[in-house]
Amino acid sequence: MGALDGRVAIITGAGRGIGREHALLFASEGARVVVNDLGGAADGSGSDATPAQQVVDEIVAAGGEAVANGDDVTTAEGAQNLVQSALDAFGELHVLVNNAGILRDRMLVNMTDDEWDDVIRVHLRGHFMPLRAAARYWRDAHKAGKALYPAVVNTASTSGLFGNVGQTNYGAAKSGIATLTHIAELELNRYGVRLNAICPAARTRLTQGLSAEPELAEGEFDPNDPGNISPFVAYLATEDCPITGRSFFVHGGTVHLFQPWAIIDKIEIDHRWTLDELAKEAPRLAEVPFSLNIPY
C-alpha cells in the first residue's frame, strides 16, 4: 500500500527538476497524477509538451497512472481546464502542488517592466489561479458531503522570506505566495482544505551556477538532489497529515519550520507622537537584536 493510494494530484511545473521528482514519487506512492508543464525555458519563453509527456511515460512504464497537461496556469481558463483534466481523467481531485516558476534576475535599477511583470505573473498569479479553481471545486464538494481531505502545497522561496540580491521580482512573488498560503488556509479550512508552503533548496536548472557544488564521494548523500524535497511534499499531501497553515524550508535531509512575522518590541506613548519625541525614542528600534536563523 502506498501512502497516497487513492489520491489524485495535480502538480504544476512537473516536467523537470523538483516538480518532476514530486510527480514520480507521488505516482510511486499510489497517487494518480496530472503532470502540468508548459515546457518553457528557464526565463519562461517558449513552450514544449515533451517534458510533461516524458514524465507521464516514466510513470506509466513503472506501473503508475498519469496524464500530461499543458495549460497555462496563469490564466483562469487554463487553471479551470487543469482541474477539469484531473476530473475527466481520474474522477476526483485531492491534492494541488503549485510548483511552476521562472527566473528573470536583475538588479532593481536595471529591471524592466516585463521582467517584473512576468515573474510575478508566473509565480504569484500562477499559484492563485489553480488554487482558486481547486478551492471552488472543494467548496462545492464539501457542501455536497464529500470527505476528500484536500491538501495544497505551494512553493515559496527563501529569496522571499530571507531576501536575495538581484531577485526583487522573484522574492516579492515568493513572499507573496507564503502570505497567500496563510490567508487561504484561514479561509478554506472550513471546507477541510489543508494548505502549507515549502521553500525548497536543491539543484535545478533555475539554480545552476548560483552556488558551488560540493564534491561528493561515490555513494555519499547529495544534499542538493532535487529528489530530497519530494518526500516531505508527499507527506503533506497524505490524507491524514495534521499539518496546516505552515511554511517550511526544505533542504537535503532537513525540514525547517518558519515563524511568520512577529512583533518583538515597541515604543509607546499616551498621546499622538511628535517628531521630536520620535527622534528621541524611535532610534533604539534600529538596535533591537533579532535573528532570521538563516541556516546557510
C-alpha atoms as a PDB file:
ATOM      1  CA  MET A   1       0.000   0.000   0.000  1.00  0.00           C
ATOM      2  CA  GLY A   2       1.313   3.438  -0.951  1.00  0.00           C
ATOM      3  CA  ALA A   3       0.949   6.465   1.296  1.00  0.00           C
ATOM      4  CA  LEU A   4      -1.015   8.225  -1.447  1.00  0.00           C
ATOM      5  CA  ASP A   5      -3.193   5.360  -2.659  1.00  0.00           C
ATOM      6  CA  GLY A   6      -6.472   6.694  -4.000  1.00  0.00           C
ATOM      7  CA  ARG A   7      -5.318  10.313  -4.102  1.00  0.00           C
ATOM      8  CA  VAL A   8      -5.493  12.345  -7.313  1.00  0.00           C
ATOM      9  CA  ALA A   9      -2.847  15.062  -7.523  1.00  0.00           C
ATOM     10  CA  ILE A  10      -2.175  17.980  -9.829  1.00  0.00           C
ATOM     11  CA  ILE A  11       1.469  19.060  -9.902  1.00  0.00           C
ATOM     12  CA  THR A  12       2.371  22.187 -11.878  1.00  0.00           C
ATOM     13  CA  GLY A  13       5.810  22.680 -13.354  1.00  0.00           C
ATOM     14  CA  ALA A  14       6.254  18.919 -13.192  1.00  0.00           C
ATOM     15  CA  GLY A  15       8.144  18.371 -16.417  1.00  0.00           C
ATOM     16  CA  ARG A  16      11.583  18.970 -14.949  1.00  0.00           C
ATOM     17  CA  GLY A  17      13.506  19.458 -11.726  1.00  0.00           C
ATOM     18  CA  ILE A  18      11.742  19.391  -8.375  1.00  0.00           C
ATOM     19  CA  GLY A  19       8.282  19.110  -9.940  1.00  0.00           C
ATOM     20  CA  ARG A  20       9.330  16.035 -11.884  1.00  0.00           C
ATOM     21  CA  GLU A  21      10.604  14.429  -8.687  1.00  0.00           C
ATOM     22  CA  HIS A  22       7.289  15.213  -7.000  1.00  0.00           C
ATOM     23  CA  ALA A  23       5.349  13.555  -9.814  1.00  0.00           C
ATOM     24  CA  LEU A  24       7.477  10.409  -9.836  1.00  0.00           C
ATOM     25  CA  LEU A  25       7.336   9.968  -6.063  1.00  0.00           C
ATOM     26  CA  PHE A  26       3.607  10.689  -5.840  1.00  0.00           C
ATOM     27  CA  ALA A  27       2.927   8.073  -8.512  1.00  0.00           C
ATOM     28  CA  SER A  28       5.189   5.535  -6.821  1.00  0.00           C
ATOM     29  CA  GLU A  29       3.160   6.051  -3.620  1.00  0.00           C
ATOM     30  CA  GLY A  30      -0.075   5.288  -5.442  1.00  0.00           C
ATOM     31  CA  ALA A  31      -1.336   8.715  -6.479  1.00  0.00           C
ATOM     32  CA  ARG A  32      -2.796   9.322  -9.902  1.00  0.00           C
ATOM     33  CA  VAL A  33      -1.023  12.388 -11.231  1.00  0.00           C
ATOM     34  CA  VAL A  34      -1.786  15.233 -13.611  1.00  0.00           C
ATOM     35  CA  VAL A  35       1.632  16.385 -14.835  1.00  0.00           C
ATOM     36  CA  ASN A  36       1.275  20.039 -15.797  1.00  0.00           C
ATOM     37  CA  ASP A  37       4.055  21.872 -17.615  1.00  0.00           C
ATOM     38  CA  LEU A  38       4.205  24.411 -20.438  1.00  0.00           C
ATOM     39  CA  GLY A  39       7.722  23.238 -21.189  1.00  0.00           C
ATOM     40  CA  GLY A  40       9.177  26.720 -21.493  1.00  0.00           C
ATOM     41  CA  ALA A  41      12.756  27.856 -20.950  1.00  0.00           C
ATOM     42  CA  ALA A  42      14.025  28.904 -17.534  1.00  0.00           C
ATOM     43  CA  ASP A  43      13.019  32.508 -18.287  1.00  0.00           C
ATOM     44  CA  GLY A  44       9.512  31.406 -19.283  1.00  0.00           C
ATOM     45  CA  SER A  45       9.934  31.811 -23.021  1.00  0.00           C
ATOM     46  CA  GLY A  46       8.655  29.204 -25.490  1.00  0.00           C
ATOM     47  CA  SER A  47       6.733  26.007 -24.872  1.00  0.00           C
ATOM     48  CA  ASP A  48       7.254  22.296 -25.393  1.00  0.00           C
ATOM     49  CA  ALA A  49       4.893  19.458 -24.495  1.00  0.00           C
ATOM     50  CA  THR A  50       7.723  16.918 -24.443  1.00  0.00           C
ATOM     51  CA  PRO A  51       8.929  17.242 -20.802  1.00  0.00           C
ATOM     52  CA  ALA A  52       5.470  16.658 -19.304  1.00  0.00           C
ATOM     53  CA  GLN A  53       4.794  13.709 -21.588  1.00  0.00           C
ATOM     54  CA  GLN A  54       8.177  12.177 -20.784  1.00  0.00           C
ATOM     55  CA  VAL A  55       7.343  12.248 -17.069  1.00  0.00           C
ATOM     56  CA  VAL A  56       3.981  10.651 -17.783  1.00  0.00           C
ATOM     57  CA  ASP A  57       5.708   7.956 -19.848  1.00  0.00           C
ATOM     58  CA  GLU A  58       8.100   7.248 -16.953  1.00  0.00           C
ATOM     59  CA  ILE A  59       5.211   6.919 -14.530  1.00  0.00           C
ATOM     60  CA  VAL A  60       3.209   4.640 -16.797  1.00  0.00           C
ATOM     61  CA  ALA A  61       6.262   2.491 -17.552  1.00  0.00           C
ATOM     62  CA  ALA A  62       6.683   1.989 -13.799  1.00  0.00           C
ATOM     63  CA  GLY A  63       3.070   0.862 -13.456  1.00  0.00           C
ATOM     64  CA  GLY A  64       1.564   4.175 -12.316  1.00  0.00           C
ATOM     65  CA  GLU A  65      -1.220   6.355 -13.673  1.00  0.00           C
ATOM     66  CA  ALA A  66      -0.679   9.850 -15.041  1.00  0.00           C
ATOM     67  CA  VAL A  67      -1.779  12.258 -17.752  1.00  0.00           C
ATOM     68  CA  ALA A  68       0.020  15.252 -19.229  1.00  0.00           C
ATOM     69  CA  ASN A  69      -1.430  18.756 -19.237  1.00  0.00           C
ATOM     70  CA  GLY A  70      -0.050  21.825 -20.971  1.00  0.00           C
ATOM     71  CA  ASP A  71      -2.483  24.500 -19.820  1.00  0.00           C
ATOM     72  CA  ASP A  72      -1.206  27.935 -18.819  1.00  0.00           C
ATOM     73  CA  VAL A  73      -1.817  28.104 -15.063  1.00  0.00           C
ATOM     74  CA  THR A  74      -1.600  31.902 -15.025  1.00  0.00           C
ATOM     75  CA  THR A  75      -4.984  32.166 -16.774  1.00  0.00           C
ATOM     76  CA  ALA A  76      -8.419  31.493 -15.313  1.00  0.00           C
ATOM     77  CA  GLU A  77      -9.309  29.311 -18.299  1.00  0.00           C
ATOM     78  CA  GLY A  78      -6.073  27.335 -18.081  1.00  0.00           C
ATOM     79  CA  ALA A  79      -6.462  26.748 -14.348  1.00  0.00           C
ATOM     80  CA  GLN A  80     -10.047  25.598 -14.752  1.00  0.00           C
ATOM     81  CA  ASN A  81      -9.040  23.286 -17.602  1.00  0.00           C
ATOM     82  CA  LEU A  82      -6.301  21.873 -15.378  1.00  0.00           C
ATOM     83  CA  VAL A  83      -8.747  20.985 -12.619  1.00  0.00           C
ATOM     84  CA  GLN A  84     -11.163  19.588 -15.171  1.00  0.00           C
ATOM     85  CA  SER A  85      -8.418  17.423 -16.664  1.00  0.00           C
ATOM     86  CA  ALA A  86      -7.991  15.717 -13.280  1.00  0.00           C
ATOM     87  CA  LEU A  87     -11.744  15.154 -13.007  1.00  0.00           C
ATOM     88  CA  ASP A  88     -12.012  13.868 -16.572  1.00  0.00           C
ATOM     89  CA  ALA A  89      -9.051  11.508 -16.257  1.00  0.00           C
ATOM     90  CA  PHE A  90      -9.478  10.244 -12.698  1.00  0.00           C
ATOM     91  CA  GLY A  91     -12.899  11.377 -11.477  1.00  0.00           C
ATOM     92  CA  GLU A  92     -11.660  13.363  -8.481  1.00  0.00           C
ATOM     93  CA  LEU A  93      -9.112  15.832  -7.131  1.00  0.00           C
ATOM     94  CA  HIS A  94      -7.467  15.648  -3.709  1.00  0.00           C
ATOM     95  CA  VAL A  95      -4.096  17.400  -3.978  1.00  0.00           C
ATOM     96  CA  LEU A  96      -2.715  20.515  -5.655  1.00  0.00           C
ATOM     97  CA  VAL A  97       1.037  21.120  -5.689  1.00  0.00           C
ATOM     98  CA  ASN A  98       1.862  24.529  -7.141  1.00  0.00           C
ATOM     99  CA  ASN A  99       5.444  24.392  -8.336  1.00  0.00           C
ATOM    100  CA  ALA A 100       5.713  26.174 -11.715  1.00  0.00           C
ATOM    101  CA  GLY A 101       8.148  29.059 -11.894  1.00  0.00           C
ATOM    102  CA  ILE A 102      10.677  31.069 -13.904  1.00  0.00           C
ATOM    103  CA  LEU A 103      13.629  33.354 -13.210  1.00  0.00           C
ATOM    104  CA  ARG A 104      14.475  36.770 -14.631  1.00  0.00           C
ATOM    105  CA  ASP A 105      17.040  38.077 -12.182  1.00  0.00           C
ATOM    106  CA  ARG A 106      18.147  41.689 -12.419  1.00  0.00           C
ATOM    107  CA  MET A 107      19.210  44.439 -10.039  1.00  0.00           C
ATOM    108  CA  LEU A 108      16.272  46.694  -9.180  1.00  0.00           C
ATOM    109  CA  VAL A 109      17.521  49.786 -11.016  1.00  0.00           C
ATOM    110  CA  ASN A 110      18.034  47.783 -14.212  1.00  0.00           C
ATOM    111  CA  MET A 111      14.924  45.589 -14.067  1.00  0.00           C
ATOM    112  CA  THR A 112      12.478  46.033 -16.932  1.00  0.00           C
ATOM    113  CA  ASP A 113       8.712  46.191 -16.612  1.00  0.00           C
ATOM    114  CA  ASP A 114       8.389  42.823 -18.350  1.00  0.00           C
ATOM    115  CA  GLU A 115      10.965  41.168 -16.094  1.00  0.00           C
ATOM    116  CA  TRP A 116       8.941  42.268 -13.074  1.00  0.00           C
ATOM    117  CA  ASP A 117       5.513  41.501 -14.531  1.00  0.00           C
ATOM    118  CA  ASP A 118       6.369  38.101 -15.986  1.00  0.00           C
ATOM    119  CA  VAL A 119       7.902  36.726 -12.790  1.00  0.00           C
ATOM    120  CA  ILE A 120       5.019  37.993 -10.635  1.00  0.00           C
ATOM    121  CA  ARG A 121       2.546  36.559 -13.148  1.00  0.00           C
ATOM    122  CA  VAL A 122       4.078  33.083 -13.396  1.00  0.00           C
ATOM    123  CA  HIS A 123       4.765  32.638  -9.678  1.00  0.00           C
ATOM    124  CA  LEU A 124       2.087  34.540  -7.767  1.00  0.00           C
ATOM    125  CA  ARG A 125      -0.748  34.543 -10.289  1.00  0.00           C
ATOM    126  CA  GLY A 126       0.317  31.036 -11.320  1.00  0.00           C
ATOM    127  CA  HIS A 127      -0.341  29.909  -7.747  1.00  0.00           C
ATOM    128  CA  PHE A 128      -3.545  31.881  -7.270  1.00  0.00           C
ATOM    129  CA  MET A 129      -5.360  30.686 -10.382  1.00  0.00           C
ATOM    130  CA  PRO A 130      -5.052  26.894  -9.830  1.00  0.00           C
ATOM    131  CA  LEU A 131      -5.694  27.371  -6.103  1.00  0.00           C
ATOM    132  CA  ARG A 132      -8.890  29.300  -6.765  1.00  0.00           C
ATOM    133  CA  ALA A 133     -10.107  26.750  -9.311  1.00  0.00           C
ATOM    134  CA  ALA A 134      -9.391  23.829  -6.991  1.00  0.00           C
ATOM    135  CA  ALA A 135     -10.844  25.640  -3.965  1.00  0.00           C
ATOM    136  CA  ARG A 136     -14.122  26.254  -5.752  1.00  0.00           C
ATOM    137  CA  TYR A 137     -14.377  22.570  -6.577  1.00  0.00           C
ATOM    138  CA  TRP A 138     -13.542  21.544  -2.995  1.00  0.00           C
ATOM    139  CA  ARG A 139     -16.020  24.029  -1.538  1.00  0.00           C
ATOM    140  CA  ASP A 140     -18.807  22.552  -3.636  1.00  0.00           C
ATOM    141  CA  ALA A 141     -17.706  19.000  -2.851  1.00  0.00           C
ATOM    142  CA  HIS A 142     -17.674  19.777   0.879  1.00  0.00           C
ATOM    143  CA  LYS A 143     -21.171  21.227   0.708  1.00  0.00           C
ATOM    144  CA  ALA A 144     -22.269  18.067  -1.105  1.00  0.00           C
ATOM    145  CA  GLY A 145     -20.960  15.946   1.773  1.00  0.00           C
ATOM    146  CA  LYS A 146     -17.794  14.565   0.134  1.00  0.00           C
ATOM    147  CA  ALA A 147     -14.898  13.858   2.506  1.00  0.00           C
ATOM    148  CA  LEU A 148     -11.910  14.456   0.228  1.00  0.00           C
ATOM    149  CA  TYR A 149      -9.304  15.662   2.772  1.00  0.00           C
ATOM    150  CA  PRO A 150      -7.857  18.120   0.233  1.00  0.00           C
ATOM    151  CA  ALA A 151      -4.269  19.299   0.526  1.00  0.00           C
ATOM    152  CA  VAL A 152      -2.374  22.125  -1.150  1.00  0.00           C
ATOM    153  CA  VAL A 153       1.395  22.573  -1.151  1.00  0.00           C
ATOM    154  CA  ASN A 154       2.613  25.908  -2.506  1.00  0.00           C
ATOM    155  CA  THR A 155       6.207  26.668  -3.433  1.00  0.00           C
ATOM    156  CA  ALA A 156       7.694  29.795  -1.871  1.00  0.00           C
ATOM    157  CA  SER A 157      11.410  30.544  -1.503  1.00  0.00           C
ATOM    158  CA  THR A 158      13.988  31.752   0.968  1.00  0.00           C
ATOM    159  CA  SER A 159      14.670  34.501  -1.591  1.00  0.00           C
ATOM    160  CA  GLY A 160      11.361  35.923  -0.465  1.00  0.00           C
ATOM    161  CA  LEU A 161      11.432  35.102   3.238  1.00  0.00           C
ATOM    162  CA  PHE A 162      15.120  35.860   3.816  1.00  0.00           C
ATOM    163  CA  GLY A 163      15.818  38.106   0.818  1.00  0.00           C
ATOM    164  CA  ASN A 164      18.340  37.791  -2.008  1.00  0.00           C
ATOM    165  CA  VAL A 165      20.102  40.496  -4.016  1.00  0.00           C
ATOM    166  CA  GLY A 166      19.024  40.658  -7.667  1.00  0.00           C
ATOM    167  CA  GLN A 167      15.659  38.991  -7.069  1.00  0.00           C
ATOM    168  CA  THR A 168      13.204  41.725  -6.100  1.00  0.00           C
ATOM    169  CA  ASN A 169      10.682  40.283  -8.574  1.00  0.00           C
ATOM    170  CA  TYR A 170      11.175  36.640  -7.620  1.00  0.00           C
ATOM    171  CA  GLY A 171      11.435  37.358  -3.895  1.00  0.00           C
ATOM    172  CA  ALA A 172       8.322  39.551  -3.865  1.00  0.00           C
ATOM    173  CA  ALA A 173       6.362  36.819  -5.647  1.00  0.00           C
ATOM    174  CA  LYS A 174       7.631  34.118  -3.312  1.00  0.00           C
ATOM    175  CA  SER A 175       6.928  36.008  -0.098  1.00  0.00           C
ATOM    176  CA  GLY A 176       3.511  36.742  -1.581  1.00  0.00           C
ATOM    177  CA  ILE A 177       2.986  33.011  -2.060  1.00  0.00           C
ATOM    178  CA  ALA A 178       3.755  32.383   1.614  1.00  0.00           C
ATOM    179  CA  THR A 179       1.180  35.006   2.581  1.00  0.00           C
ATOM    180  CA  LEU A 180      -1.310  33.654   0.053  1.00  0.00           C
ATOM    181  CA  THR A 181      -0.922  30.249   1.681  1.00  0.00           C
ATOM    182  CA  HIS A 182      -1.519  31.597   5.187  1.00  0.00           C
ATOM    183  CA  ILE A 183      -4.623  33.611   4.331  1.00  0.00           C
ATOM    184  CA  ALA A 184      -6.094  30.958   2.039  1.00  0.00           C
ATOM    185  CA  GLU A 185      -5.724  28.436   4.864  1.00  0.00           C
ATOM    186  CA  LEU A 186      -7.729  30.718   7.142  1.00  0.00           C
ATOM    187  CA  GLU A 187     -10.462  30.878   4.506  1.00  0.00           C
ATOM    188  CA  LEU A 188     -10.509  27.285   3.280  1.00  0.00           C
ATOM    189  CA  ASN A 189     -10.119  25.262   6.469  1.00  0.00           C
ATOM    190  CA  ARG A 190     -13.912  25.419   6.847  1.00  0.00           C
ATOM    191  CA  TYR A 191     -14.040  23.147   3.790  1.00  0.00           C
ATOM    192  CA  GLY A 192     -11.454  20.778   5.214  1.00  0.00           C
ATOM    193  CA  VAL A 193      -8.651  22.040   2.954  1.00  0.00           C
ATOM    194  CA  ARG A 194      -5.106  21.991   4.367  1.00  0.00           C
ATOM    195  CA  LEU A 195      -2.566  24.418   2.921  1.00  0.00           C
ATOM    196  CA  ASN A 196       1.178  24.601   3.509  1.00  0.00           C
ATOM    197  CA  ALA A 197       4.120  26.234   1.768  1.00  0.00           C
ATOM    198  CA  ILE A 198       7.641  24.992   1.234  1.00  0.00           C
ATOM    199  CA  CYS A 199      10.843  26.848   0.397  1.00  0.00           C
ATOM    200  CA  PRO A 200      12.961  24.210  -1.342  1.00  0.00           C
ATOM    201  CA  ALA A 201      16.715  24.335  -1.860  1.00  0.00           C
ATOM    202  CA  ALA A 202      18.001  21.915  -4.488  1.00  0.00           C
ATOM    203  CA  ARG A 203      19.888  21.652  -7.746  1.00  0.00           C
ATOM    204  CA  THR A 204      17.649  22.622 -10.675  1.00  0.00           C
ATOM    205  CA  ARG A 205      18.062  24.418 -13.975  1.00  0.00           C
ATOM    206  CA  LEU A 206      16.905  27.612 -12.204  1.00  0.00           C
ATOM    207  CA  THR A 207      19.676  27.390  -9.593  1.00  0.00           C
ATOM    208  CA  GLN A 208      22.562  26.193 -11.751  1.00  0.00           C
ATOM    209  CA  GLY A 209      25.622  28.381 -11.296  1.00  0.00           C
ATOM    210  CA  LEU A 210      24.253  30.251  -8.271  1.00  0.00           C
ATOM    211  CA  SER A 211      26.499  28.421  -5.794  1.00  0.00           C
ATOM    212  CA  ALA A 212      29.398  25.978  -5.798  1.00  0.00           C
ATOM    213  CA  GLU A 213      28.517  22.294  -5.731  1.00  0.00           C
ATOM    214  CA  PRO A 214      30.190  20.178  -3.015  1.00  0.00           C
ATOM    215  CA  GLU A 215      32.451  17.350  -4.116  1.00  0.00           C
ATOM    216  CA  LEU A 216      30.871  14.055  -3.121  1.00  0.00           C
ATOM    217  CA  ALA A 217      32.387  10.643  -2.748  1.00  0.00           C
ATOM    218  CA  GLU A 218      30.720   7.783  -4.572  1.00  0.00           C
ATOM    219  CA  GLY A 219      27.546   6.801  -2.745  1.00  0.00           C
ATOM    220  CA  GLU A 220      27.633   9.862  -0.469  1.00  0.00           C
ATOM    221  CA  PHE A 221      24.328  11.599   0.268  1.00  0.00           C
ATOM    222  CA  ASP A 222      23.809  14.544  -2.070  1.00  0.00           C
ATOM    223  CA  PRO A 223      22.006  17.288  -0.126  1.00  0.00           C
ATOM    224  CA  ASN A 224      21.250  19.215  -3.325  1.00  0.00           C
ATOM    225  CA  ASP A 225      19.472  16.389  -5.133  1.00  0.00           C
ATOM    226  CA  PRO A 226      16.004  17.716  -6.072  1.00  0.00           C
ATOM    227  CA  GLY A 227      14.511  14.374  -5.081  1.00  0.00           C
ATOM    228  CA  ASN A 228      15.206  15.235  -1.437  1.00  0.00           C
ATOM    229  CA  ILE A 229      12.363  17.756  -1.440  1.00  0.00           C
ATOM    230  CA  SER A 230       9.600  15.424  -2.573  1.00  0.00           C
ATOM    231  CA  PRO A 231       9.118  13.121   0.444  1.00  0.00           C
ATOM    232  CA  PHE A 232       8.039  15.989   2.697  1.00  0.00           C
ATOM    233  CA  VAL A 233       5.726  17.340  -0.001  1.00  0.00           C
ATOM    234  CA  ALA A 234       4.211  13.871  -0.398  1.00  0.00           C
ATOM    235  CA  TYR A 235       3.754  13.631   3.367  1.00  0.00           C
ATOM    236  CA  LEU A 236       1.937  16.980   3.429  1.00  0.00           C
ATOM    237  CA  ALA A 237      -0.346  15.585   0.708  1.00  0.00           C
ATOM    238  CA  THR A 238      -1.339  12.439   2.617  1.00  0.00           C
ATOM    239  CA  GLU A 239      -4.914  12.129   3.780  1.00  0.00           C
ATOM    240  CA  ASP A 240      -4.175  12.084   7.499  1.00  0.00           C
ATOM    241  CA  CYS A 241      -1.334  14.636   7.720  1.00  0.00           C
ATOM    242  CA  PRO A 242      -2.205  17.006  10.616  1.00  0.00           C
ATOM    243  CA  ILE A 243      -0.079  19.962   9.449  1.00  0.00           C
ATOM    244  CA  THR A 244      -1.744  23.067   8.002  1.00  0.00           C
ATOM    245  CA  GLY A 245      -1.033  26.778   7.702  1.00  0.00           C
ATOM    246  CA  ARG A 246       2.746  26.369   7.999  1.00  0.00           C
ATOM    247  CA  SER A 247       5.771  27.303   5.886  1.00  0.00           C
ATOM    248  CA  PHE A 248       8.941  25.211   5.742  1.00  0.00           C
ATOM    249  CA  PHE A 249      12.468  25.437   4.383  1.00  0.00           C
ATOM    250  CA  VAL A 250      13.432  22.023   2.993  1.00  0.00           C
ATOM    251  CA  HIS A 251      16.987  21.108   2.023  1.00  0.00           C
ATOM    252  CA  GLY A 252      18.733  17.757   1.958  1.00  0.00           C
ATOM    253  CA  GLY A 253      17.557  15.775   4.965  1.00  0.00           C
ATOM    254  CA  THR A 254      16.424  18.797   6.987  1.00  0.00           C
ATOM    255  CA  VAL A 255      12.976  20.371   7.322  1.00  0.00           C
ATOM    256  CA  HIS A 256      12.982  23.793   9.000  1.00  0.00           C
ATOM    257  CA  LEU A 257       9.773  25.410  10.294  1.00  0.00           C
ATOM    258  CA  PHE A 258       9.398  29.166   9.723  1.00  0.00           C
ATOM    259  CA  GLN A 259       7.849  31.509  12.256  1.00  0.00           C
ATOM    260  CA  PRO A 260       5.734  34.130  10.464  1.00  0.00           C
ATOM    261  CA  TRP A 261       6.104  37.843  11.039  1.00  0.00           C
ATOM    262  CA  ALA A 262       6.041  38.555  14.777  1.00  0.00           C
ATOM    263  CA  ILE A 263       6.145  41.760  16.845  1.00  0.00           C
ATOM    264  CA  ILE A 264       9.247  41.712  19.055  1.00  0.00           C
ATOM    265  CA  ASP A 265       9.395  45.234  20.522  1.00  0.00           C
ATOM    266  CA  LYS A 266       7.596  48.586  20.563  1.00  0.00           C
ATOM    267  CA  ILE A 267       7.693  52.212  21.582  1.00  0.00           C
ATOM    268  CA  GLU A 268       4.558  53.640  23.142  1.00  0.00           C
ATOM    269  CA  ILE A 269       3.136  56.928  24.364  1.00  0.00           C
ATOM    270  CA  ASP A 270      -0.274  58.024  25.656  1.00  0.00           C
ATOM    271  CA  HIS A 271      -0.853  60.728  23.045  1.00  0.00           C
ATOM    272  CA  ARG A 272      -0.090  61.453  19.388  1.00  0.00           C
ATOM    273  CA  TRP A 273       3.641  61.325  18.744  1.00  0.00           C
ATOM    274  CA  THR A 274       5.562  64.470  17.912  1.00  0.00           C
ATOM    275  CA  LEU A 275       8.568  64.257  15.616  1.00  0.00           C
ATOM    276  CA  ASP A 276      10.811  65.464  18.432  1.00  0.00           C
ATOM    277  CA  GLU A 277       9.565  62.641  20.667  1.00  0.00           C
ATOM    278  CA  LEU A 278      10.068  60.108  17.886  1.00  0.00           C
ATOM    279  CA  ALA A 279      13.557  61.429  17.214  1.00  0.00           C
ATOM    280  CA  LYS A 280      14.324  60.703  20.854  1.00  0.00           C
ATOM    281  CA  GLU A 281      12.630  57.306  21.275  1.00  0.00           C
ATOM    282  CA  ALA A 282      12.454  55.618  17.869  1.00  0.00           C
ATOM    283  CA  PRO A 283      16.174  55.248  17.064  1.00  0.00           C
ATOM    284  CA  ARG A 284      16.517  52.398  19.560  1.00  0.00           C
ATOM    285  CA  LEU A 285      14.277  50.285  17.294  1.00  0.00           C
ATOM    286  CA  ALA A 286      17.165  50.192  14.835  1.00  0.00           C
ATOM    287  CA  GLU A 287      19.247  48.463  17.505  1.00  0.00           C
ATOM    288  CA  VAL A 288      16.778  45.787  18.623  1.00  0.00           C
ATOM    289  CA  PRO A 289      18.577  42.447  18.166  1.00  0.00           C
ATOM    290  CA  PHE A 290      16.869  39.680  16.211  1.00  0.00           C
ATOM    291  CA  SER A 291      17.922  36.783  14.073  1.00  0.00           C
ATOM    292  CA  LEU A 292      16.405  35.243  10.964  1.00  0.00           C
ATOM    293  CA  ASN A 293      18.167  31.975  11.886  1.00  0.00           C
ATOM    294  CA  ILE A 294      19.294  31.562   8.290  1.00  0.00           C
ATOM    295  CA  PRO A 295      20.668  28.001   8.156  1.00  0.00           C
ATOM    296  CA  TYR A 296      23.147  28.594   5.318  1.00  0.00           C
END
